[in-house]
Protein backbone atom coordinates (compact mmCIF):
# COMPACT_ATOMS: atom_id res chain seq x y z
CA UNK A 1 0.16 0.03 0.19
CA UNK A 2 1.59 3.40 -0.78
CA UNK A 3 2.18 5.58 1.64
CA UNK A 4 0.53 8.74 2.31
CA UNK A 5 1.95 11.74 3.85
CA UNK A 6 0.75 14.98 5.70
CA UNK A 7 2.60 17.14 2.88
CA UNK A 8 4.79 16.53 0.04
CA UNK A 9 7.02 20.27 -0.80
CA UNK A 10 8.03 20.41 -4.08
CA UNK A 11 11.60 21.71 -4.94
CA UNK A 12 14.54 21.19 -2.59
CA UNK A 13 15.56 25.03 -3.20
CA UNK A 14 16.63 26.95 -0.12
CA UNK A 15 12.63 28.54 0.09
CA UNK A 16 11.11 24.60 -0.38
CA UNK A 17 13.68 23.62 2.58
CA UNK A 18 12.64 26.31 4.81
CA UNK A 19 8.77 25.20 4.48
CA UNK A 20 9.63 21.47 5.22
CA UNK A 21 11.70 22.51 7.63
CA UNK A 22 8.91 24.18 9.91
CA UNK A 23 6.50 21.51 8.37
CA UNK A 24 8.59 18.46 9.89
CA UNK A 25 9.24 20.53 13.12
CA UNK A 26 5.54 20.84 13.86
CA UNK A 27 5.20 16.96 13.69
CA UNK A 28 3.90 16.84 10.14
CA UNK A 29 5.03 13.61 8.23
CA UNK A 30 6.91 15.71 4.94
CA UNK A 31 8.41 14.56 1.88
CA UNK A 32 10.36 16.60 -0.37
CA UNK A 33 10.86 15.76 -3.74
CA UNK A 34 13.55 17.55 -5.93
CA UNK A 35 14.43 17.06 -9.76
CA UNK A 36 17.91 17.29 -9.69
CA UNK A 37 20.25 14.77 -7.45
CA UNK A 38 21.73 17.20 -5.29
CA UNK A 39 19.54 19.63 -3.07
CA UNK A 40 19.95 23.45 -3.10
CA UNK A 41 18.42 24.63 -5.99
CA UNK A 42 20.05 27.78 -7.04
CA UNK A 43 21.60 27.84 -3.21
CA UNK A 44 24.12 25.16 -3.65
CA UNK A 45 27.95 24.37 -3.69
CA UNK A 46 28.79 21.84 -6.04
CA UNK A 47 32.33 20.64 -7.10
CA UNK A 48 32.53 21.20 -10.85
CA UNK A 49 35.87 21.22 -11.51
CA UNK A 50 37.65 19.08 -9.21
CA UNK A 51 36.61 17.79 -5.67
CA UNK A 52 38.74 19.78 -3.99
CA UNK A 53 37.20 22.96 -5.54
CA UNK A 54 33.92 24.32 -4.21
CA UNK A 55 31.89 26.68 -6.50
CA UNK A 56 28.85 28.40 -5.36
CA UNK A 57 27.61 28.26 -9.23
CA UNK A 58 24.04 30.16 -9.05
CA UNK A 59 23.63 32.24 -5.57
CA UNK A 60 26.96 33.56 -4.66
CA UNK A 61 26.60 35.76 -1.74
CA UNK A 62 24.40 36.00 1.74
CA UNK A 63 22.66 39.15 3.28
CA UNK A 64 19.18 39.01 2.99
CA UNK A 65 18.39 35.49 4.84
CA UNK A 66 16.25 36.52 7.87
CA UNK A 67 17.85 36.47 11.31
CA UNK A 68 14.46 35.07 12.63
CA UNK A 69 14.54 31.83 10.30
CA UNK A 70 18.27 31.50 11.35
CA UNK A 71 17.39 31.11 15.00
CA UNK A 72 14.42 29.47 14.98
CA UNK A 73 15.68 26.44 12.68
CA UNK A 74 18.82 26.68 14.97
CA UNK A 75 20.82 26.70 11.48
CA UNK A 76 24.13 27.58 14.06
CA UNK A 77 23.49 23.80 15.13
CA UNK A 78 23.59 22.50 11.48
CA UNK A 79 26.54 24.24 10.40
CA UNK A 80 25.76 27.28 9.04
CA UNK A 81 28.40 30.00 9.28
CA UNK A 82 27.82 33.07 7.56
CA UNK A 83 31.08 34.99 7.42
CA UNK A 84 31.28 39.38 6.45
CA UNK A 85 33.56 40.39 4.02
CA UNK A 86 34.77 44.17 3.51
CA UNK A 87 33.86 46.73 1.01
CA UNK A 88 33.37 46.81 -2.56
CA UNK A 89 34.87 48.74 -5.26
CA UNK A 90 34.09 50.26 -8.73
CA UNK A 91 36.47 50.50 -11.45
CA UNK A 92 35.66 52.96 -14.22
CA UNK A 93 37.39 51.92 -17.99
CA UNK A 94 39.90 54.97 -17.40
CA UNK A 95 41.49 53.33 -14.54
CA UNK A 96 40.28 55.33 -11.76
CA UNK A 97 38.09 53.75 -9.28
CA UNK A 98 35.67 54.56 -5.88
CA UNK A 99 35.71 51.85 -3.29
CA UNK A 100 33.53 51.34 -0.13
CA UNK A 101 35.26 50.32 2.91
CA UNK A 102 33.89 48.74 6.08
CA UNK A 103 34.91 52.17 8.15
CA UNK A 104 32.82 54.44 7.04
CA UNK A 105 34.73 57.55 7.62
CA UNK A 106 37.20 56.06 5.16
CA UNK A 107 34.34 55.43 2.75
CA UNK A 108 33.41 59.10 2.73
CA UNK A 109 37.06 60.46 2.52
CA UNK A 110 37.36 58.06 -0.36
CA UNK A 111 34.00 59.90 -1.39
CA UNK A 112 35.53 63.19 -1.08
CA UNK A 113 37.99 62.32 -3.49
CA UNK A 114 36.03 62.33 -6.10
CA UNK A 115 33.36 65.26 -4.70
CA UNK A 116 33.28 66.75 -1.76
CA UNK A 117 29.62 67.95 -1.98
CA UNK A 118 29.05 64.10 -3.03
CA UNK A 119 30.69 63.01 0.51
CA UNK A 120 28.40 65.22 2.54
CA UNK A 121 25.10 63.91 0.30
CA UNK A 122 26.50 60.07 1.01
CA UNK A 123 25.48 60.88 4.85
CA UNK A 124 21.90 61.98 3.87
CA UNK A 125 21.77 58.70 1.20
CA UNK A 126 22.63 56.55 3.95
CA UNK A 127 19.93 57.86 6.31
CA UNK A 128 17.48 57.75 3.77
CA UNK A 129 18.24 54.52 2.51
CA UNK A 130 18.28 52.65 6.19
CA UNK A 131 14.83 54.38 6.72
CA UNK A 132 13.07 52.80 3.80
CA UNK A 133 15.25 49.76 5.04
CA UNK A 134 13.90 49.66 8.36
CA UNK A 135 10.30 49.90 6.79
CA UNK A 136 10.27 47.53 4.90
CA UNK A 137 12.13 44.87 6.73
CA UNK A 138 9.26 44.68 9.18
CA UNK A 139 6.76 43.16 6.64
CA UNK A 140 9.13 40.70 5.19
CA UNK A 141 7.92 37.88 7.79
CA UNK A 142 4.19 38.90 7.46
CA UNK A 143 1.38 37.36 4.86
CA UNK A 144 0.52 40.35 2.98
CA UNK A 145 -3.29 41.35 3.41
CA UNK A 146 -6.02 41.06 0.80
CA UNK A 147 -7.08 44.87 0.60
CA UNK A 148 -9.99 43.57 -1.29
CA UNK A 149 -11.33 41.46 1.56
CA UNK A 150 -13.48 42.24 4.72
CA UNK A 151 -12.01 39.43 7.13
CA UNK A 152 -11.06 40.55 10.01
CA UNK A 153 -7.25 39.63 9.44
CA UNK A 154 -6.68 41.14 6.52
CA UNK A 155 -8.64 44.43 8.20
CA UNK A 156 -6.55 44.52 11.09
CA UNK A 157 -3.35 43.59 8.51
CA UNK A 158 -3.85 46.78 6.55
CA UNK A 159 -4.63 48.62 9.92
CA UNK A 160 -1.13 47.57 11.17
CA UNK A 161 0.97 48.63 7.45
CA UNK A 162 -1.36 52.08 7.76
CA UNK A 163 0.13 52.14 11.36
CA UNK A 164 3.84 52.13 10.53
CA UNK A 165 3.42 53.72 7.56
CA UNK A 166 2.10 57.10 9.44
CA UNK A 167 5.23 56.37 12.08
CA UNK A 168 7.18 57.76 8.98
CA UNK A 169 5.72 61.60 8.81
CA UNK A 170 4.46 63.40 6.12
CA UNK A 171 7.65 64.11 4.19
CA UNK A 172 8.85 60.62 4.14
CA UNK A 173 5.42 59.18 3.48
CA UNK A 174 5.79 61.02 0.28
CA UNK A 175 8.98 60.36 -0.21
CA UNK A 176 8.38 56.43 0.11
CA UNK A 177 5.68 56.89 -2.69
CA UNK A 178 8.02 58.75 -5.00
CA UNK A 179 10.88 56.16 -4.42
CA UNK A 180 8.87 52.98 -5.49
CA UNK A 181 8.28 54.56 -8.67
CA UNK A 182 11.45 56.25 -9.56
CA UNK A 183 14.14 54.98 -11.78
CA UNK A 184 17.73 54.08 -9.97
CA UNK A 185 19.17 57.43 -12.26
CA UNK A 186 16.74 59.57 -10.93
CA UNK A 187 17.03 58.76 -7.13
CA UNK A 188 20.73 59.12 -7.11
CA UNK A 189 20.63 62.36 -9.45
CA UNK A 190 18.78 64.31 -5.90
CA UNK A 191 21.95 63.04 -4.23
CA UNK A 192 25.03 63.11 -6.16
CA UNK A 193 26.95 64.82 -8.72
CA UNK A 194 30.00 62.67 -10.17
CA UNK A 195 29.17 60.06 -12.71
CA UNK A 196 31.49 57.44 -10.38
CA UNK A 197 30.24 57.93 -7.49
CA UNK A 198 26.25 57.20 -9.26
CA UNK A 199 27.30 54.18 -10.63
CA UNK A 200 28.89 52.96 -7.56
CA UNK A 201 25.72 52.71 -6.36
CA UNK A 202 23.35 52.04 -9.80
CA UNK A 203 23.98 48.54 -10.32
CA UNK A 204 22.33 47.21 -7.37
CA UNK A 205 19.25 48.36 -9.10
CA UNK A 206 19.15 46.47 -11.76
CA UNK A 207 20.89 43.00 -10.65
CA UNK A 208 18.54 40.51 -11.68
CA UNK A 209 16.07 42.61 -13.43
CA UNK A 210 14.85 42.81 -16.84
CA UNK A 211 14.72 47.24 -16.13
CA UNK A 212 17.44 49.47 -17.20
CA UNK A 213 19.08 52.34 -14.88
CA UNK A 214 16.62 54.77 -16.31
CA UNK A 215 13.39 52.46 -15.93
CA UNK A 216 10.86 53.35 -13.59
CA UNK A 217 10.62 51.25 -10.57
CA UNK A 218 14.37 50.43 -10.43
CA UNK A 219 14.83 52.57 -7.11
CA UNK A 220 13.72 49.74 -5.05
CA UNK A 221 15.03 46.83 -6.44
CA UNK A 222 18.38 48.89 -5.02
CA UNK A 223 16.69 48.80 -1.83
CA UNK A 224 16.20 45.02 -2.15
CA UNK A 225 19.96 44.82 -2.25
CA UNK A 226 20.18 46.95 0.76
CA UNK A 227 18.00 45.68 3.50
CA UNK A 228 19.75 42.65 4.58
CA UNK A 229 22.24 42.44 7.74
CA UNK A 230 24.98 39.73 8.64
CA UNK A 231 25.30 39.48 12.88
CA UNK A 232 22.96 42.24 12.77
CA UNK A 233 24.83 44.72 10.46
CA UNK A 234 22.27 46.24 8.22
CA UNK A 235 22.99 46.62 4.73
CA UNK A 236 26.37 44.23 5.16
CA UNK A 237 26.98 40.82 2.75
CA UNK A 238 28.47 37.89 3.98
CA UNK A 239 29.55 34.50 2.39
CA UNK A 240 28.26 31.22 3.93
CA UNK A 241 31.35 29.61 4.71
CA UNK A 242 31.64 26.31 2.38
CA UNK A 243 30.01 28.04 -0.17
CA UNK A 244 26.25 29.05 -0.76
CA UNK A 245 25.50 24.92 -0.53
CA UNK A 246 25.71 25.78 3.34
CA UNK A 247 22.47 27.08 3.75
CA UNK A 248 20.90 24.73 1.70
CA UNK A 249 22.78 21.49 3.90
CA UNK A 250 22.09 23.31 7.24
CA UNK A 251 18.28 23.74 6.18
CA UNK A 252 17.92 20.30 5.20
CA UNK A 253 20.09 19.03 7.85
CA UNK A 254 17.42 20.49 10.15
CA UNK A 255 14.34 18.95 7.68
CA UNK A 256 15.90 15.53 8.25
CA UNK A 257 16.52 15.78 11.68
CA UNK A 258 12.81 16.23 12.03
CA UNK A 259 12.13 12.98 10.35
CA UNK A 260 11.66 14.85 6.97
CA UNK A 261 11.72 12.42 3.88
CA UNK A 262 13.59 13.17 0.56
CA UNK A 263 13.10 11.94 -3.04
CA UNK A 264 15.96 13.12 -5.60
CA UNK A 265 16.88 12.62 -9.41
CA UNK A 266 13.00 13.07 -10.78
CA UNK A 267 11.21 16.20 -11.46
CA UNK A 268 7.22 16.67 -11.16
CA UNK A 269 5.56 15.53 -14.15
CA UNK A 270 2.16 16.95 -12.77
CA UNK A 271 0.56 17.91 -9.39
CA UNK A 272 -2.30 15.32 -9.06
CA UNK A 273 -6.17 16.78 -8.77
CA UNK A 274 -9.13 14.69 -7.84
CA UNK A 275 -12.55 16.71 -6.97
CA UNK A 276 -10.66 19.69 -6.80
CA UNK A 277 -8.46 19.19 -4.58
CA UNK A 278 -4.67 18.70 -4.81
CA UNK A 279 -3.73 15.20 -3.49
CA UNK A 280 -0.06 14.11 -4.50
CA UNK A 281 2.17 14.13 -7.11
CA UNK A 282 3.42 12.20 -10.06
CA UNK A 283 7.04 12.08 -10.91
CA UNK A 284 8.63 12.18 -14.49
CA UNK A 285 10.12 8.59 -13.58
CA UNK A 286 6.46 7.23 -12.66
CA UNK A 287 6.53 7.45 -9.51
CA UNK A 288 3.36 8.98 -7.56
CA UNK A 289 3.31 10.60 -3.71
CA UNK A 290 0.10 11.38 -1.90
CA UNK A 291 -0.59 13.92 1.00
CA UNK A 292 -2.94 16.23 2.13
CA UNK A 293 -0.63 18.86 1.37
CA UNK A 294 1.01 19.71 -1.83
CA UNK A 295 3.29 22.67 -1.66
CA UNK A 296 5.19 24.56 -4.34
CA UNK A 297 8.45 26.20 -4.46
CA UNK A 298 8.36 26.10 -8.42
CA UNK A 299 8.21 29.24 -10.01
CA UNK A 300 4.89 30.50 -10.56
CA UNK A 301 4.80 29.82 -14.40
CA UNK A 302 6.34 25.92 -13.88
CA UNK A 303 3.64 25.43 -11.15
CA UNK A 304 0.78 26.37 -12.95
CA UNK A 305 1.85 26.57 -16.54
CA UNK A 306 3.70 23.18 -16.57
CA UNK A 307 3.14 20.78 -13.77
CA UNK A 308 -0.92 21.03 -13.50
CA UNK A 309 -3.93 19.84 -16.01
CA UNK A 310 -5.53 23.36 -17.32
CA UNK A 311 -8.77 22.02 -16.93
CA UNK A 312 -8.39 22.19 -12.99
CA UNK A 313 -7.88 25.84 -12.66
CA UNK A 314 -9.91 28.27 -13.93
CA UNK A 315 -9.10 30.22 -17.42
CA UNK A 316 -8.82 33.78 -15.90
CA UNK A 317 -6.19 32.60 -13.37
CA UNK A 318 -4.20 30.95 -15.71
CA UNK A 319 -4.37 34.38 -18.22
CA UNK A 320 -2.81 36.16 -14.92
CA UNK A 321 -0.21 33.72 -14.83
CA UNK A 322 0.79 33.97 -18.28
CA UNK A 323 1.01 37.57 -17.76
CA UNK A 324 3.40 37.39 -14.99
CA UNK A 325 6.60 39.15 -15.35
CA UNK A 326 9.59 36.65 -15.43
CA UNK A 327 11.71 37.81 -17.70
CA UNK A 328 15.54 36.61 -17.40
CA UNK A 329 18.37 39.29 -17.50
CA UNK A 330 21.56 37.77 -15.90
CA UNK A 331 24.38 35.49 -16.66
CA UNK A 332 27.04 33.75 -14.10
CA UNK A 333 30.80 32.64 -14.78
CA UNK A 334 32.26 30.38 -12.54
CA UNK A 335 36.02 30.54 -12.71
CA UNK A 336 39.29 28.45 -11.44
CA UNK A 337 42.01 30.67 -10.50
CA UNK A 338 45.41 29.96 -10.35
CA UNK A 339 45.98 32.82 -8.63
CA UNK A 340 44.61 36.41 -7.73
CA UNK A 341 44.00 38.69 -10.46
CA UNK A 342 46.28 41.74 -10.64
CA UNK A 343 43.69 44.73 -11.43
CA UNK A 344 45.91 47.79 -12.57
CA UNK A 345 43.55 50.13 -11.02
CA UNK A 346 44.16 48.37 -7.76
CA UNK A 347 47.45 47.72 -7.41
CA UNK A 348 48.68 48.77 -3.77
CA UNK A 349 44.99 48.57 -2.48
CA UNK A 350 44.67 44.82 -1.99
CA UNK A 351 41.98 45.14 0.51
CA UNK A 352 39.59 46.34 -2.07
CA UNK A 353 39.55 42.94 -3.80
CA UNK A 354 38.49 40.96 -0.98
CA UNK A 355 34.94 42.19 -1.58
CA UNK A 356 32.36 43.00 -4.74
CA UNK A 357 34.39 44.44 -7.86
CA UNK A 358 31.84 46.33 -10.09
CA UNK A 359 32.97 46.90 -13.92
CA UNK A 360 31.37 50.43 -14.73
CA UNK A 361 31.89 53.62 -14.77
CA UNK A 362 28.49 55.69 -15.49
CA UNK A 363 25.20 55.20 -15.59
CA UNK A 364 24.70 55.87 -19.41
CA UNK A 365 26.87 52.76 -19.73
CA UNK A 366 24.42 51.02 -18.08
CA UNK A 367 21.92 52.18 -20.09
CA UNK A 368 23.39 51.26 -23.62
CA UNK A 369 23.94 47.16 -22.35
CA UNK A 370 20.04 47.13 -21.42
CA UNK A 371 19.97 48.43 -25.06
CA UNK A 372 21.53 44.92 -26.21
CA UNK A 373 19.40 42.94 -24.14
CA UNK A 374 16.29 44.99 -25.69
CA UNK A 375 17.54 43.95 -29.24
CA UNK A 376 17.59 39.98 -28.13
CA UNK A 377 21.85 39.64 -27.12
CA UNK A 378 23.81 39.77 -25.00
CA UNK A 379 25.33 42.82 -23.50
CA UNK A 380 28.81 43.42 -25.73
CA UNK A 381 29.90 45.83 -23.06
CA UNK A 382 28.12 44.13 -19.50
CA UNK A 383 28.05 45.26 -16.23
CA UNK A 384 30.38 43.06 -14.28
CA UNK A 385 30.23 42.15 -10.93
CA UNK A 386 33.23 39.74 -9.59
CA UNK A 387 33.73 38.22 -5.92
CA UNK A 388 36.29 36.19 -5.31
CA UNK A 389 34.88 34.60 -2.02
CA UNK A 390 38.23 31.91 -1.20
CA UNK A 391 40.13 35.01 -0.63
CA UNK A 392 37.36 34.65 2.84
CA UNK A 393 36.50 31.45 2.96
CA UNK A 394 39.58 29.19 2.27
CA UNK A 395 37.59 25.79 2.30
CA UNK A 396 36.73 26.69 -1.24
CA UNK A 397 39.60 25.85 -2.96
CA UNK A 398 43.37 24.49 -2.82
CA UNK A 399 46.09 26.59 -1.01
CA UNK A 400 46.95 29.27 -3.09
CA UNK A 401 44.45 29.55 -5.61
CA UNK A 402 40.67 31.27 -5.93
CA UNK A 403 37.32 30.53 -6.91
CA UNK A 404 36.20 34.16 -8.64
CA UNK A 405 32.37 34.49 -8.86
CA UNK A 406 30.89 36.86 -12.16
CA UNK A 407 27.66 37.95 -12.53
CA UNK A 408 26.70 39.95 -15.46
CA UNK A 409 23.54 41.67 -16.59
CA UNK A 410 22.40 41.73 -19.05
CA UNK A 411 21.83 38.11 -20.81
CA UNK A 412 18.63 37.57 -22.58
CA UNK A 413 16.89 34.60 -22.34
CA UNK A 414 16.46 33.80 -25.98
CA UNK A 415 19.02 34.83 -28.64
CA UNK A 416 16.93 37.41 -31.11
CA UNK A 417 14.17 34.87 -30.72
CA UNK A 418 16.08 31.98 -30.91
CA UNK A 419 17.29 29.65 -28.24
CA UNK A 420 20.84 29.96 -27.21
CA UNK A 421 23.26 27.20 -28.92
CA UNK A 422 26.55 26.13 -27.13
CA UNK A 423 28.71 27.88 -29.14
CA UNK A 424 26.58 31.34 -28.38
CA UNK A 425 27.33 30.42 -24.83
CA UNK A 426 31.30 30.17 -25.32
CA UNK A 427 30.91 33.67 -27.42
CA UNK A 428 29.12 35.08 -24.50
CA UNK A 429 31.47 33.59 -22.07
CA UNK A 430 34.55 35.01 -23.86
CA UNK A 431 32.93 38.51 -24.06
CA UNK A 432 33.35 38.35 -20.35
CA UNK A 433 36.67 37.51 -19.94
CA UNK A 434 37.62 39.59 -22.56
CA UNK A 435 36.22 42.63 -20.26
CA UNK A 436 37.96 41.57 -17.20
CA UNK A 437 41.03 41.21 -19.01
CA UNK A 438 41.20 44.31 -19.77
CA UNK A 439 40.97 45.55 -15.98
CA UNK A 440 43.61 42.65 -14.82
CA UNK A 441 45.91 42.06 -18.06
CA UNK A 442 47.04 38.63 -17.61
CA UNK A 443 43.70 37.12 -16.20
CA UNK A 444 43.25 34.87 -18.70
CA UNK A 445 46.20 32.93 -18.15
CA UNK A 446 45.21 32.32 -14.62
CA UNK A 447 42.50 30.48 -15.73
CA UNK A 448 42.35 27.01 -15.11
CA UNK A 449 38.51 26.04 -15.38
CA UNK A 450 35.60 28.12 -16.35
CA UNK A 451 31.76 27.19 -16.44
CA UNK A 452 29.33 29.56 -18.48
CA UNK A 453 25.62 30.14 -17.39
CA UNK A 454 23.03 31.78 -19.34
CA UNK A 455 19.33 31.50 -18.57
CA UNK A 456 19.24 28.29 -20.65
CA UNK A 457 21.80 26.84 -17.97
CA UNK A 458 19.78 28.56 -15.04
CA UNK A 459 16.59 27.45 -16.43
CA UNK A 460 17.22 23.66 -17.40
CA UNK A 461 18.94 22.92 -13.98
CA UNK A 462 17.29 24.54 -11.17
CA UNK A 463 14.10 25.32 -12.90
CA UNK A 464 14.59 29.57 -13.09
CA UNK A 465 11.70 30.43 -15.65
CA UNK A 466 13.51 32.12 -18.16
CA UNK A 467 16.39 32.08 -16.01
CA UNK A 468 14.97 35.12 -13.67
CA UNK A 469 16.78 35.19 -10.49
CA UNK A 470 14.33 36.30 -8.71
CA UNK A 471 11.59 34.26 -9.97
CA UNK A 472 9.59 37.01 -11.04
CA UNK A 473 10.26 40.95 -11.53
CA UNK A 474 10.43 43.22 -7.90
CA UNK A 475 8.07 46.01 -9.43
CA UNK A 476 5.62 47.68 -7.39
CA UNK A 477 2.46 46.13 -9.99
CA UNK A 478 4.68 42.49 -8.59
CA UNK A 479 4.93 43.21 -4.65
CA UNK A 480 3.14 42.56 -1.42
CA UNK A 481 -0.30 41.82 -2.24
CA UNK A 482 -0.14 41.97 -5.80
CA UNK A 483 2.51 39.39 -5.84
CA UNK A 484 2.54 36.75 -7.18
CA UNK A 485 -0.92 37.53 -8.76
CA UNK A 486 -3.81 39.65 -7.08
CA UNK A 487 -5.93 37.59 -4.86
CA UNK A 488 -3.16 35.03 -4.36
CA UNK A 489 -0.46 36.42 -2.25
CA UNK A 490 -1.37 34.48 0.64
CA UNK A 491 0.64 31.56 -0.29
CA UNK A 492 -2.74 29.45 -0.92
CA UNK A 493 -3.16 27.96 -4.50
CA UNK A 494 -6.70 28.01 -6.39
CA UNK A 495 -6.81 24.36 -5.80
CA UNK A 496 -7.87 23.48 -2.39
CA UNK A 497 -4.92 21.85 -0.29
CA UNK A 498 -2.17 23.46 -2.70
CA UNK A 499 0.43 26.22 -1.58
CA UNK A 500 2.96 28.16 -3.13
CA UNK A 501 6.13 29.26 -1.55
CA UNK A 502 8.77 30.05 -3.98
CA UNK A 503 10.41 33.35 -4.56
CA UNK A 504 7.53 34.06 -6.97
CA UNK A 505 5.50 34.92 -4.13
CA UNK A 506 6.08 38.14 -1.24
CA UNK A 507 8.36 39.33 -0.51
CA UNK A 508 10.12 38.14 -3.88
CA UNK A 509 13.53 37.22 -4.73
CA UNK A 510 17.08 36.24 -3.08
CA UNK A 511 18.04 33.72 -0.41
CA UNK A 512 16.01 35.34 2.01
CA UNK A 513 13.40 32.83 3.32
CA UNK A 514 10.99 34.39 4.00
CA UNK A 515 8.42 33.08 1.11
CA UNK A 516 9.30 29.69 2.32
CA UNK A 517 8.46 30.49 6.55
CA UNK A 518 5.45 32.63 5.68
CA UNK A 519 3.94 29.90 3.49
CA UNK A 520 4.84 27.53 6.06
CA UNK A 521 2.58 29.46 8.60
CA UNK A 522 -0.01 29.51 6.72
CA UNK A 523 -0.23 25.59 6.45
CA UNK A 524 0.34 25.29 9.98
CA UNK A 525 -2.94 27.91 10.78
CA UNK A 526 -5.44 25.85 8.17
CA UNK A 527 -4.27 22.76 9.78
CA UNK A 528 -4.56 24.03 13.76
CA UNK A 529 -0.96 22.87 14.17
CA UNK A 530 1.53 24.18 16.55
CA UNK A 531 2.99 27.18 15.25
CA UNK A 532 6.55 28.23 15.65
CA UNK A 533 7.00 30.40 12.12
CA UNK A 534 8.66 33.68 13.27
CA UNK A 535 6.27 36.33 12.21
CA UNK A 536 6.74 40.24 11.93
CA UNK A 537 10.38 42.07 12.73
CA UNK A 538 11.99 40.32 15.77
CA UNK A 539 15.80 41.90 15.65
CA UNK A 540 14.74 45.52 16.35
């Protein structure tokens, strides 16, 4: 007789693992099904070159992981350690650079080297960004209200949001409304005059988005990258020791420690629905598993357009799913190096090579990179965000060797409307390598191994529709109670017994774990189970 579970979670990415861990902790007999032979989804470390090299081959830095989740799942017990890294640097084509140091006074002197006016404006800019961060962070672990509902819970949540907004004061409320609809370029123009200073802040407004720096709504995307923390330091970033897979491994250890089961090696062919209720999953290998609750950690389009019978869904709902914006725009290179690259601009300043390195020098140059994406090709002069985690985390490579993670914007999901070819993938990789070589002569000679990922690879391996790393655009029309689509922001699918917990749901993408935790809280509430999932803002 086939065993029946209390819950099945589809997809062992970090949100699925978070969700499964909370369900298992609450005593539910929970099964995790994962299409790959490895767990972690995009939050994974893999030995793709040699056994003694670890690649964070998709996600690559940690900041957004909610501390409430870290504490309540006791991830430290399961070995997760996040190590802060120091600062960042933006390098211009003319050899100039601007560094952002751990010490704020040093950073301010660095900005003053380019513009005394901008050095003064930096204090105001940092203050205003932190105000916005503190406001939004308190809603990350709260289920969005339904503004059309008259249920007491939704009315109370709307009142709570209104009360917190009123605390901002009249001027800041106006600023907040403007901020959510502004382009990152317009926002930075209100503070800074120097092109390199602006460029150093602009990249965070377009990472993972199919938008340009001059597109409305990109100011919020900057906020999405600034509202995390490491060890309570808001806005800080860090490396998970052992690569990003250490996060997934710790979550999975918590899940199995509470008797959760995992089946890997076959994706879901169909979510089984009977009499209007989700009752299980049929895998591609022919196996079927049944449960009272089915939770999808797949993207919104993959869940409802690929893994469900359209006859089980309302045509109006399917139309909204098809209109969900989830356009891929990012690529990734993972590179094994024989030593530390020698960046011409950073000679004599080795501290900055330990942090983020951005190759850009103006917002106009970034917008031209976006023009290529709109024309259906990868950026010929791309925005590059590089890190060498092995300078901070020596567990990732053999002594004297290094791993470099290279994030690239913009990379379209298709080339001129056609699927990527293997030759084009290599051409894209060469474009990036040639650019790095211009800033660090001799870089090519250090390369021992290189893995190139376009949206094609990101979708094929970890199921990111079109390679969108946030599993849906982070624009105002797809945030809060509009995410993923209006009427379905509370993690419940339109089929009874079915829930959603991926980054396609609120509050959105990044290695945050909030969607997985929020969905678990709703599931346990519906089942009247003991609920230990954190809610609200606990780190004030």
